[in-house]
Amino acid sequence: PGADAHPDLLASSRVRDAIESLRSRYDYLVVTCPPLPEHGDAVAIAPHVDAAVLVISAGVTGRDEAVRAKEALERVGARILGLVMIERPRRWF
C-alpha cells in the first residue's frame, strides 16, 4: 500500500478497467496484495479477478487471522482456490 494512495482507488472502475485490459493481452494475470485482515486491498480487488489463493506463513499467521481473511474474501464473493503455506526461513542471509 502506498502512503499517497486513496483508499477507494482499488474499488474504482479504473482498476476494473485496468484488469480487463491486461486480461485481453495476457493468458494469465497474477495480482498480489498485502496481507489480510490488516489491509483491505485483496477484498477490493477480489470481485474483479477469477479466483484467489490464500497464502499464509507457517508459525506467523494464526488460525484466527487465516479464518478472518477467508471470511473477508467470501463476503465479497471471491472464489477461493485454496491455501498455500510458506515457511519463513529460520535465518535470513
Protein backbone atom coordinates (compact mmCIF):
# COMPACT_ATOMS: atom_id res chain seq x y z
CA PRO A 1 0.00 0.00 0.00
CA GLY A 2 1.32 3.38 -0.93
CA ALA A 3 1.29 6.25 1.54
CA ASP A 4 -0.39 8.53 -1.01
CA ALA A 5 -2.94 6.00 -2.27
CA HIS A 6 -6.57 6.97 -1.95
CA PRO A 7 -8.43 4.17 -0.12
CA ASP A 8 -11.22 3.98 -2.70
CA LEU A 9 -8.88 3.69 -5.70
CA LEU A 10 -8.81 -0.12 -5.68
CA ALA A 11 -12.60 -0.28 -5.63
CA SER A 12 -12.89 2.11 -8.56
CA SER A 13 -13.89 1.31 -12.12
CA ARG A 14 -10.37 2.32 -13.20
CA VAL A 15 -8.93 -0.76 -11.50
CA ARG A 16 -11.58 -2.99 -13.05
CA ASP A 17 -10.84 -1.50 -16.47
CA ALA A 18 -7.09 -1.96 -15.99
CA ILE A 19 -7.56 -5.63 -15.07
CA GLU A 20 -9.80 -6.18 -18.11
CA SER A 21 -7.24 -4.51 -20.37
CA LEU A 22 -4.48 -6.77 -19.05
CA ARG A 23 -6.72 -9.84 -19.44
CA SER A 24 -7.16 -9.09 -23.11
CA ARG A 25 -3.37 -9.02 -23.62
CA TYR A 26 -2.22 -11.93 -21.45
CA ASP A 27 -3.27 -15.53 -20.84
CA TYR A 28 -2.66 -15.33 -17.08
CA LEU A 29 -2.59 -12.45 -14.67
CA VAL A 30 -1.34 -12.78 -11.09
CA VAL A 31 -2.15 -9.96 -8.70
CA THR A 32 -0.53 -9.88 -5.27
CA CYS A 33 -1.83 -7.93 -2.31
CA PRO A 34 -0.68 -7.05 1.20
CA PRO A 35 -1.89 -9.32 3.99
CA LEU A 36 -5.45 -9.51 5.23
CA PRO A 37 -7.08 -8.55 7.51
CA GLU A 38 -4.76 -5.56 8.14
CA HIS A 39 -5.04 -4.32 4.55
CA GLY A 40 -8.21 -4.46 2.50
CA ASP A 41 -6.56 -4.44 -0.93
CA ALA A 42 -7.42 -8.08 -1.64
CA VAL A 43 -11.05 -7.52 -0.66
CA ALA A 44 -11.30 -4.59 -3.08
CA ILE A 45 -9.67 -6.47 -5.96
CA ALA A 46 -11.24 -9.92 -5.42
CA PRO A 47 -14.54 -9.14 -7.18
CA HIS A 48 -12.60 -8.24 -10.35
CA VAL A 49 -10.49 -11.40 -10.66
CA ASP A 50 -11.35 -15.02 -11.46
CA ALA A 51 -10.07 -16.55 -8.23
CA ALA A 52 -7.97 -16.04 -5.11
CA VAL A 53 -5.34 -18.11 -3.34
CA LEU A 54 -4.72 -17.51 0.36
CA VAL A 55 -1.03 -17.52 1.32
CA ILE A 56 -0.15 -17.92 4.99
CA SER A 57 3.17 -18.02 6.80
CA ALA A 58 3.83 -21.07 8.97
CA GLY A 59 4.37 -20.07 12.57
CA VAL A 60 3.39 -16.48 11.86
CA THR A 61 -0.20 -16.47 10.62
CA GLY A 62 -2.57 -17.59 13.33
CA ARG A 63 -5.67 -19.68 12.71
CA ASP A 64 -7.99 -16.81 13.63
CA GLU A 65 -6.21 -14.47 11.19
CA ALA A 66 -6.46 -17.02 8.39
CA VAL A 67 -10.16 -17.61 9.06
CA ARG A 68 -10.86 -13.84 9.13
CA ALA A 69 -9.04 -13.40 5.81
CA LYS A 70 -11.00 -16.28 4.24
CA GLU A 71 -14.30 -14.89 5.51
CA ALA A 72 -13.48 -11.38 4.25
CA LEU A 73 -12.85 -12.76 0.77
CA GLU A 74 -16.02 -14.86 0.88
CA ARG A 75 -18.10 -11.79 1.85
CA VAL A 76 -17.18 -10.11 -1.44
CA GLY A 77 -17.86 -13.24 -3.46
CA ALA A 78 -14.27 -14.30 -4.08
CA ARG A 79 -13.74 -17.78 -5.48
CA ILE A 80 -11.02 -19.18 -3.23
CA LEU A 81 -9.00 -21.88 -4.99
CA GLY A 82 -7.08 -22.93 -1.91
CA LEU A 83 -4.34 -22.14 0.51
CA VAL A 84 -0.56 -22.09 0.23
CA MET A 85 1.51 -22.29 3.39
CA ILE A 86 5.00 -20.89 3.18
CA GLU A 87 7.73 -21.43 5.70
CA ARG A 88 9.76 -18.47 6.79
CA PRO A 89 13.47 -19.19 6.81
CA ARG A 90 14.96 -19.62 10.28
CA ARG A 91 17.84 -17.44 9.28
CA TRP A 92 17.95 -14.64 6.71
CA PHE A 93 21.22 -14.24 4.83
